[in-house]
Amino acid sequence: MPPKAPIVKLPLPPADPAERARRRRAAAAARSRTIDQWRGRGFTSAETAWSSPAKSIEAILPGVLSHLRLEQRLDEAKIQTIWAQTLDPTLVAHAQPAGFAKGTLFVNVDSSVWLNEIVRYRRHEILERLQTALGKTVVQKISFRVG
């Protein structure tokens, strides 16, 4: 008679669904850690920080400043003050700068009558005054709209 194979008793899965879900998540996390280590991605943030060489402030600062867009915000603030100082007070009462993007100044005018007046007769004068005060490259075009 051939020898009997030993009987191996495997543990039954837990009956509690929450326990099964916890075990599944733990198994998935273990698989993910193993794959990340195999691919070389299993480093902690401290290990990653020490692995990259330090950069000087001179190399980092221009990128940070361009991301903050400080120059554009400064131009917008200058436009507001120059608008109020160099233009006719009557015109300033009816038209206000609303935005600035890519060399175009957007101006809100309170009525279509004033919009017509500005677009027909005063557009070039306003543009020349702003370009004289700020430089030709800052404000290249003005767009007026009722609003």
N, C-alpha and C. Protein backbone atom coordinates (compact mmCIF):
# COMPACT_ATOMS: atom_id res chain seq x y z
N MET A 1 0.84 -1.16 0.00
CA MET A 1 0.00 0.00 0.00
C MET A 1 0.90 1.24 0.00
N PRO A 2 0.64 2.16 -0.94
CA PRO A 2 1.49 3.35 -1.04
C PRO A 2 1.27 4.27 0.18
N PRO A 3 2.33 5.01 0.53
CA PRO A 3 2.16 5.91 1.69
C PRO A 3 1.18 7.02 1.37
N LYS A 4 0.47 7.42 2.38
CA LYS A 4 -0.52 8.49 2.21
C LYS A 4 0.19 9.85 2.26
N ALA A 5 -0.28 10.72 1.43
CA ALA A 5 0.25 12.09 1.44
C ALA A 5 -0.25 12.81 2.67
N PRO A 6 0.61 13.64 3.24
CA PRO A 6 0.16 14.35 4.44
C PRO A 6 -0.97 15.31 4.10
N ILE A 7 -1.87 15.43 5.02
CA ILE A 7 -3.01 16.33 4.82
C ILE A 7 -2.61 17.71 5.32
N VAL A 8 -2.73 18.67 4.43
CA VAL A 8 -2.40 20.05 4.78
C VAL A 8 -3.70 20.80 4.94
N LYS A 9 -3.86 21.36 6.10
CA LYS A 9 -5.07 22.14 6.34
C LYS A 9 -4.77 23.61 6.07
N LEU A 10 -5.48 24.18 5.11
CA LEU A 10 -5.34 25.60 4.81
C LEU A 10 -6.35 26.38 5.64
N PRO A 11 -5.96 27.56 6.11
CA PRO A 11 -6.92 28.33 6.89
C PRO A 11 -8.04 28.82 5.99
N LEU A 12 -9.22 28.80 6.51
CA LEU A 12 -10.39 29.27 5.76
C LEU A 12 -10.40 30.79 5.75
N PRO A 13 -10.89 31.34 4.68
CA PRO A 13 -10.98 32.80 4.67
C PRO A 13 -11.94 33.28 5.76
N PRO A 14 -11.70 34.46 6.30
CA PRO A 14 -12.57 34.94 7.36
C PRO A 14 -13.98 35.19 6.83
N ALA A 15 -14.93 34.99 7.68
CA ALA A 15 -16.32 35.19 7.29
C ALA A 15 -16.70 36.66 7.29
N ASP A 16 -15.98 37.47 8.05
CA ASP A 16 -16.30 38.89 8.17
C ASP A 16 -15.86 39.62 6.89
N PRO A 17 -16.76 40.30 6.18
CA PRO A 17 -16.39 41.00 4.93
C PRO A 17 -15.37 42.11 5.17
N ALA A 18 -15.44 42.78 6.31
CA ALA A 18 -14.49 43.85 6.59
C ALA A 18 -13.08 43.29 6.74
N GLU A 19 -12.96 42.14 7.36
CA GLU A 19 -11.65 41.50 7.54
C GLU A 19 -11.09 41.04 6.19
N ARG A 20 -11.96 40.53 5.33
CA ARG A 20 -11.51 40.12 3.99
C ARG A 20 -11.02 41.33 3.19
N ALA A 21 -11.75 42.43 3.29
CA ALA A 21 -11.34 43.64 2.56
C ALA A 21 -10.01 44.16 3.09
N ARG A 22 -9.81 44.11 4.41
CA ARG A 22 -8.56 44.56 5.00
C ARG A 22 -7.39 43.71 4.52
N ARG A 23 -7.60 42.40 4.46
CA ARG A 23 -6.55 41.50 3.99
C ARG A 23 -6.23 41.73 2.51
N ARG A 24 -7.28 41.98 1.72
CA ARG A 24 -7.06 42.26 0.29
C ARG A 24 -6.23 43.53 0.11
N ARG A 25 -6.57 44.59 0.87
CA ARG A 25 -5.82 45.84 0.78
C ARG A 25 -4.38 45.64 1.21
N ALA A 26 -4.17 44.86 2.28
CA ALA A 26 -2.81 44.59 2.75
C ALA A 26 -2.01 43.82 1.71
N ALA A 27 -2.64 42.84 1.06
CA ALA A 27 -1.95 42.07 0.02
C ALA A 27 -1.63 42.95 -1.18
N ALA A 28 -2.55 43.83 -1.56
CA ALA A 28 -2.31 44.72 -2.69
C ALA A 28 -1.19 45.70 -2.37
N ALA A 29 -1.15 46.20 -1.14
CA ALA A 29 -0.08 47.12 -0.74
C ALA A 29 1.27 46.41 -0.74
N ALA A 30 1.30 45.17 -0.30
CA ALA A 30 2.56 44.40 -0.30
C ALA A 30 3.04 44.17 -1.73
N ARG A 31 2.12 43.83 -2.63
CA ARG A 31 2.49 43.65 -4.04
C ARG A 31 3.03 44.95 -4.61
N SER A 32 2.36 46.04 -4.32
CA SER A 32 2.78 47.33 -4.84
C SER A 32 4.17 47.72 -4.33
N ARG A 33 4.43 47.50 -3.03
CA ARG A 33 5.76 47.79 -2.48
C ARG A 33 6.84 46.95 -3.15
N THR A 34 6.54 45.69 -3.38
CA THR A 34 7.52 44.80 -4.01
C THR A 34 7.83 45.25 -5.43
N ILE A 35 6.80 45.59 -6.18
CA ILE A 35 7.01 46.05 -7.56
C ILE A 35 7.77 47.37 -7.57
N ASP A 36 7.42 48.29 -6.67
CA ASP A 36 8.13 49.57 -6.60
C ASP A 36 9.60 49.39 -6.27
N GLN A 37 9.91 48.49 -5.34
CA GLN A 37 11.30 48.24 -4.99
C GLN A 37 12.04 47.63 -6.18
N TRP A 38 11.39 46.74 -6.88
CA TRP A 38 12.00 46.10 -8.04
C TRP A 38 12.29 47.14 -9.13
N ARG A 39 11.37 48.10 -9.31
CA ARG A 39 11.54 49.14 -10.32
C ARG A 39 12.41 50.30 -9.83
N GLY A 40 12.76 50.29 -8.56
CA GLY A 40 13.61 51.35 -8.02
C GLY A 40 12.84 52.56 -7.58
N ARG A 41 11.53 52.42 -7.35
CA ARG A 41 10.72 53.56 -6.94
C ARG A 41 10.36 53.51 -5.47
N GLY A 42 10.89 52.61 -4.71
CA GLY A 42 10.46 52.43 -3.34
C GLY A 42 11.20 53.29 -2.35
N PHE A 43 11.66 54.46 -2.76
CA PHE A 43 12.41 55.31 -1.84
C PHE A 43 11.46 56.21 -1.07
N THR A 44 11.84 56.54 0.14
CA THR A 44 11.07 57.51 0.91
C THR A 44 11.44 58.90 0.43
N SER A 45 10.68 59.90 0.84
CA SER A 45 10.95 61.26 0.38
C SER A 45 12.31 61.75 0.89
N ALA A 46 12.72 61.31 2.08
CA ALA A 46 14.04 61.72 2.61
C ALA A 46 15.15 61.15 1.75
N GLU A 47 15.02 59.90 1.34
CA GLU A 47 16.05 59.28 0.50
C GLU A 47 16.11 59.98 -0.85
N THR A 48 14.94 60.34 -1.39
CA THR A 48 14.90 61.03 -2.67
C THR A 48 15.52 62.41 -2.56
N ALA A 49 15.25 63.10 -1.47
CA ALA A 49 15.80 64.45 -1.29
C ALA A 49 17.32 64.41 -1.21
N TRP A 50 17.88 63.43 -0.55
CA TRP A 50 19.33 63.34 -0.44
C TRP A 50 19.98 62.86 -1.72
N SER A 51 19.22 62.19 -2.58
CA SER A 51 19.83 61.67 -3.79
C SER A 51 20.04 62.75 -4.85
N SER A 52 19.26 63.84 -4.83
CA SER A 52 19.44 64.89 -5.84
C SER A 52 20.42 65.93 -5.32
N PRO A 53 21.26 66.46 -6.19
CA PRO A 53 22.24 67.45 -5.74
C PRO A 53 21.55 68.77 -5.38
N ALA A 54 22.14 69.50 -4.48
CA ALA A 54 21.59 70.79 -4.06
C ALA A 54 21.74 71.80 -5.18
N LYS A 55 20.77 72.72 -5.27
CA LYS A 55 20.81 73.77 -6.28
C LYS A 55 21.01 75.10 -5.59
N SER A 56 21.67 76.00 -6.26
CA SER A 56 21.89 77.32 -5.67
C SER A 56 20.62 78.14 -5.78
N ILE A 57 20.52 79.15 -4.94
CA ILE A 57 19.35 80.02 -4.96
C ILE A 57 19.26 80.78 -6.28
N GLU A 58 20.42 81.06 -6.89
CA GLU A 58 20.44 81.74 -8.17
C GLU A 58 19.77 80.91 -9.27
N ALA A 59 19.87 79.61 -9.16
CA ALA A 59 19.26 78.73 -10.17
C ALA A 59 17.77 78.57 -9.95
N ILE A 60 17.32 78.68 -8.70
CA ILE A 60 15.91 78.43 -8.37
C ILE A 60 15.06 79.69 -8.45
N LEU A 61 15.60 80.83 -8.02
CA LEU A 61 14.83 82.06 -7.88
C LEU A 61 14.15 82.54 -9.16
N PRO A 62 14.80 82.55 -10.33
CA PRO A 62 14.10 83.01 -11.53
C PRO A 62 12.85 82.19 -11.86
N GLY A 63 12.92 80.89 -11.66
CA GLY A 63 11.75 80.05 -11.91
C GLY A 63 10.60 80.35 -10.96
N VAL A 64 10.94 80.57 -9.71
CA VAL A 64 9.92 80.88 -8.71
C VAL A 64 9.28 82.23 -9.02
N LEU A 65 10.09 83.22 -9.35
CA LEU A 65 9.55 84.55 -9.64
C LEU A 65 8.68 84.55 -10.90
N SER A 66 9.08 83.80 -11.91
CA SER A 66 8.26 83.74 -13.12
C SER A 66 6.95 83.02 -12.85
N HIS A 67 7.00 82.02 -11.96
CA HIS A 67 5.77 81.31 -11.60
C HIS A 67 4.81 82.22 -10.83
N LEU A 68 5.33 83.11 -10.03
CA LEU A 68 4.48 84.04 -9.27
C LEU A 68 3.96 85.20 -10.12
N ARG A 69 4.56 85.41 -11.28
CA ARG A 69 4.17 86.48 -12.22
C ARG A 69 4.18 87.85 -11.56
N LEU A 70 5.22 88.14 -10.81
CA LEU A 70 5.30 89.42 -10.10
C LEU A 70 5.43 90.60 -11.06
N GLU A 71 6.17 90.43 -12.14
CA GLU A 71 6.34 91.53 -13.09
C GLU A 71 5.00 91.91 -13.72
N GLN A 72 4.21 90.91 -14.07
CA GLN A 72 2.91 91.19 -14.69
C GLN A 72 1.99 91.88 -13.69
N ARG A 73 2.01 91.45 -12.44
CA ARG A 73 1.17 92.08 -11.42
C ARG A 73 1.60 93.51 -11.16
N LEU A 74 2.90 93.76 -11.21
CA LEU A 74 3.40 95.12 -11.03
C LEU A 74 2.94 96.00 -12.19
N ASP A 75 2.99 95.47 -13.41
CA ASP A 75 2.50 96.22 -14.57
C ASP A 75 1.01 96.53 -14.43
N GLU A 76 0.23 95.58 -13.94
CA GLU A 76 -1.20 95.82 -13.76
C GLU A 76 -1.45 96.92 -12.74
N ALA A 77 -0.68 96.93 -11.67
CA ALA A 77 -0.84 97.98 -10.66
C ALA A 77 -0.43 99.33 -11.23
N LYS A 78 0.64 99.36 -12.02
CA LYS A 78 1.06 100.61 -12.64
C LYS A 78 -0.01 101.13 -13.61
N ILE A 79 -0.62 100.22 -14.35
CA ILE A 79 -1.65 100.62 -15.31
C ILE A 79 -2.80 101.29 -14.59
N GLN A 80 -3.21 100.74 -13.45
CA GLN A 80 -4.32 101.33 -12.69
C GLN A 80 -4.00 102.77 -12.28
N THR A 81 -2.79 103.00 -11.74
CA THR A 81 -2.44 104.35 -11.28
C THR A 81 -2.25 105.30 -12.45
N ILE A 82 -1.58 104.84 -13.50
CA ILE A 82 -1.35 105.71 -14.65
C ILE A 82 -2.66 106.04 -15.35
N TRP A 83 -3.58 105.08 -15.39
CA TRP A 83 -4.91 105.31 -15.99
C TRP A 83 -5.59 106.48 -15.29
N ALA A 84 -5.56 106.49 -13.97
CA ALA A 84 -6.24 107.53 -13.20
C ALA A 84 -5.50 108.88 -13.29
N GLN A 85 -4.18 108.85 -13.44
CA GLN A 85 -3.40 110.08 -13.42
C GLN A 85 -3.31 110.77 -14.78
N THR A 86 -3.18 110.02 -15.85
CA THR A 86 -2.88 110.63 -17.15
C THR A 86 -4.09 110.87 -18.02
N LEU A 87 -5.21 110.23 -17.72
CA LEU A 87 -6.37 110.39 -18.60
C LEU A 87 -7.36 111.40 -18.03
N ASP A 88 -8.24 111.83 -18.88
CA ASP A 88 -9.29 112.79 -18.53
C ASP A 88 -10.17 112.22 -17.41
N PRO A 89 -10.45 112.99 -16.34
CA PRO A 89 -11.28 112.47 -15.24
C PRO A 89 -12.68 112.03 -15.68
N THR A 90 -13.23 112.69 -16.69
CA THR A 90 -14.55 112.28 -17.19
C THR A 90 -14.48 110.89 -17.81
N LEU A 91 -13.42 110.66 -18.58
CA LEU A 91 -13.25 109.34 -19.19
C LEU A 91 -12.97 108.29 -18.12
N VAL A 92 -12.18 108.62 -17.11
CA VAL A 92 -11.86 107.68 -16.04
C VAL A 92 -13.12 107.29 -15.26
N ALA A 93 -14.06 108.23 -15.16
CA ALA A 93 -15.31 107.94 -14.45
C ALA A 93 -16.17 106.91 -15.18
N HIS A 94 -15.99 106.79 -16.49
CA HIS A 94 -16.84 105.89 -17.28
C HIS A 94 -16.11 104.65 -17.81
N ALA A 95 -14.79 104.60 -17.70
CA ALA A 95 -14.03 103.45 -18.22
C ALA A 95 -12.93 103.09 -17.23
N GLN A 96 -12.86 101.80 -16.89
CA GLN A 96 -11.86 101.32 -15.93
C GLN A 96 -11.16 100.08 -16.47
N PRO A 97 -9.84 99.98 -16.27
CA PRO A 97 -9.13 98.76 -16.68
C PRO A 97 -9.66 97.56 -15.90
N ALA A 98 -9.90 96.47 -16.62
CA ALA A 98 -10.46 95.27 -16.00
C ALA A 98 -9.46 94.12 -15.97
N GLY A 99 -8.54 94.10 -16.90
CA GLY A 99 -7.59 93.00 -16.95
C GLY A 99 -6.46 93.29 -17.92
N PHE A 100 -5.44 92.46 -17.83
CA PHE A 100 -4.28 92.65 -18.68
C PHE A 100 -3.70 91.28 -18.99
N ALA A 101 -3.54 90.96 -20.27
CA ALA A 101 -2.99 89.67 -20.65
C ALA A 101 -2.28 89.78 -22.00
N LYS A 102 -1.04 89.31 -22.04
CA LYS A 102 -0.25 89.21 -23.27
C LYS A 102 -0.21 90.53 -24.04
N GLY A 103 -0.01 91.64 -23.34
CA GLY A 103 0.11 92.93 -23.99
C GLY A 103 -1.20 93.59 -24.34
N THR A 104 -2.31 92.99 -24.00
CA THR A 104 -3.62 93.56 -24.29
C THR A 104 -4.27 94.01 -22.99
N LEU A 105 -4.67 95.27 -22.96
CA LEU A 105 -5.37 95.83 -21.81
C LEU A 105 -6.87 95.75 -22.08
N PHE A 106 -7.62 95.14 -21.16
CA PHE A 106 -9.06 95.02 -21.28
C PHE A 106 -9.70 96.08 -20.41
N VAL A 107 -10.59 96.89 -21.02
CA VAL A 107 -11.20 98.01 -20.31
C VAL A 107 -12.71 97.85 -20.35
N ASN A 108 -13.34 97.99 -19.18
CA ASN A 108 -14.81 97.96 -19.08
C ASN A 108 -15.33 99.39 -19.15
N VAL A 109 -16.30 99.59 -20.01
CA VAL A 109 -16.93 100.90 -20.18
C VAL A 109 -18.38 100.76 -19.71
N ASP A 110 -18.91 101.81 -19.03
CA ASP A 110 -20.21 101.66 -18.40
C ASP A 110 -21.41 101.77 -19.35
N SER A 111 -21.23 102.28 -20.56
CA SER A 111 -22.37 102.35 -21.48
C SER A 111 -21.89 102.25 -22.92
N SER A 112 -22.81 101.92 -23.79
CA SER A 112 -22.45 101.80 -25.21
C SER A 112 -22.15 103.17 -25.82
N VAL A 113 -22.72 104.22 -25.27
CA VAL A 113 -22.43 105.57 -25.77
C VAL A 113 -20.96 105.90 -25.52
N TRP A 114 -20.49 105.63 -24.31
CA TRP A 114 -19.09 105.88 -24.00
C TRP A 114 -18.18 104.94 -24.77
N LEU A 115 -18.62 103.73 -24.97
CA LEU A 115 -17.82 102.79 -25.76
C LEU A 115 -17.62 103.33 -27.17
N ASN A 116 -18.67 103.82 -27.77
CA ASN A 116 -18.59 104.40 -29.12
C ASN A 116 -17.66 105.61 -29.13
N GLU A 117 -17.79 106.48 -28.13
CA GLU A 117 -16.94 107.68 -28.04
C GLU A 117 -15.46 107.30 -27.94
N ILE A 118 -15.17 106.35 -27.07
CA ILE A 118 -13.77 105.97 -26.85
C ILE A 118 -13.19 105.26 -28.07
N VAL A 119 -13.93 104.32 -28.63
CA VAL A 119 -13.41 103.55 -29.75
C VAL A 119 -13.21 104.43 -30.98
N ARG A 120 -14.13 105.36 -31.21
CA ARG A 120 -14.03 106.20 -32.40
C ARG A 120 -12.99 107.30 -32.27
N TYR A 121 -12.97 107.97 -31.12
CA TYR A 121 -12.20 109.21 -31.03
C TYR A 121 -11.02 109.18 -30.06
N ARG A 122 -11.03 108.32 -29.07
CA ARG A 122 -10.01 108.42 -28.03
C ARG A 122 -9.11 107.20 -27.89
N ARG A 123 -9.35 106.19 -28.63
CA ARG A 123 -8.57 104.95 -28.49
C ARG A 123 -7.08 105.19 -28.70
N HIS A 124 -6.70 105.86 -29.77
CA HIS A 124 -5.29 106.07 -30.09
C HIS A 124 -4.62 106.99 -29.06
N GLU A 125 -5.36 107.99 -28.60
CA GLU A 125 -4.82 108.89 -27.58
C GLU A 125 -4.52 108.14 -26.28
N ILE A 126 -5.45 107.29 -25.87
CA ILE A 126 -5.27 106.51 -24.64
C ILE A 126 -4.08 105.57 -24.79
N LEU A 127 -3.99 104.88 -25.90
CA LEU A 127 -2.89 103.95 -26.14
C LEU A 127 -1.55 104.67 -26.14
N GLU A 128 -1.48 105.83 -26.79
CA GLU A 128 -0.23 106.60 -26.82
C GLU A 128 0.19 107.05 -25.43
N ARG A 129 -0.76 107.51 -24.62
CA ARG A 129 -0.42 107.96 -23.27
C ARG A 129 0.07 106.79 -22.40
N LEU A 130 -0.58 105.65 -22.51
CA LEU A 130 -0.14 104.49 -21.73
C LEU A 130 1.23 103.99 -22.19
N GLN A 131 1.46 103.99 -23.49
CA GLN A 131 2.75 103.55 -24.01
C GLN A 131 3.86 104.53 -23.64
N THR A 132 3.55 105.81 -23.58
CA THR A 132 4.54 106.80 -23.17
C THR A 132 4.92 106.59 -21.71
N ALA A 133 3.92 106.31 -20.88
CA ALA A 133 4.18 106.15 -19.44
C ALA A 133 4.81 104.79 -19.10
N LEU A 134 4.40 103.72 -19.77
CA LEU A 134 4.84 102.37 -19.41
C LEU A 134 5.88 101.78 -20.35
N GLY A 135 5.94 102.26 -21.55
CA GLY A 135 6.82 101.67 -22.56
C GLY A 135 5.97 100.99 -23.63
N LYS A 136 6.51 100.94 -24.82
CA LYS A 136 5.74 100.41 -25.96
C LYS A 136 5.48 98.91 -25.86
N THR A 137 6.32 98.17 -25.12
CA THR A 137 6.17 96.72 -25.08
C THR A 137 5.16 96.24 -24.05
N VAL A 138 4.81 97.08 -23.07
CA VAL A 138 3.89 96.63 -22.02
C VAL A 138 2.47 96.57 -22.55
N VAL A 139 1.92 97.70 -22.97
CA VAL A 139 0.56 97.73 -23.52
C VAL A 139 0.68 97.90 -25.02
N GLN A 140 0.28 96.87 -25.76
CA GLN A 140 0.37 96.92 -27.22
C GLN A 140 -0.98 97.13 -27.87
N LYS A 141 -2.05 96.77 -27.14
CA LYS A 141 -3.39 96.83 -27.71
C LYS A 141 -4.37 97.07 -26.57
N ILE A 142 -5.49 97.75 -26.88
CA ILE A 142 -6.54 97.95 -25.88
C ILE A 142 -7.84 97.41 -26.44
N SER A 143 -8.54 96.66 -25.61
CA SER A 143 -9.84 96.09 -25.98
C SER A 143 -10.89 96.66 -25.03
N PHE A 144 -11.86 97.33 -25.61
CA PHE A 144 -12.94 97.94 -24.81
C PHE A 144 -14.19 97.09 -24.92
N ARG A 145 -14.96 97.03 -23.82
CA ARG A 145 -16.23 96.30 -23.82
C ARG A 145 -17.16 96.91 -22.79
N VAL A 146 -18.44 96.79 -23.06
CA VAL A 146 -19.44 97.28 -22.11
C VAL A 146 -19.54 96.28 -20.98
N GLY A 147 -19.47 96.78 -19.76
CA GLY A 147 -19.56 95.83 -18.65
C GLY A 147 -19.38 96.42 -17.34
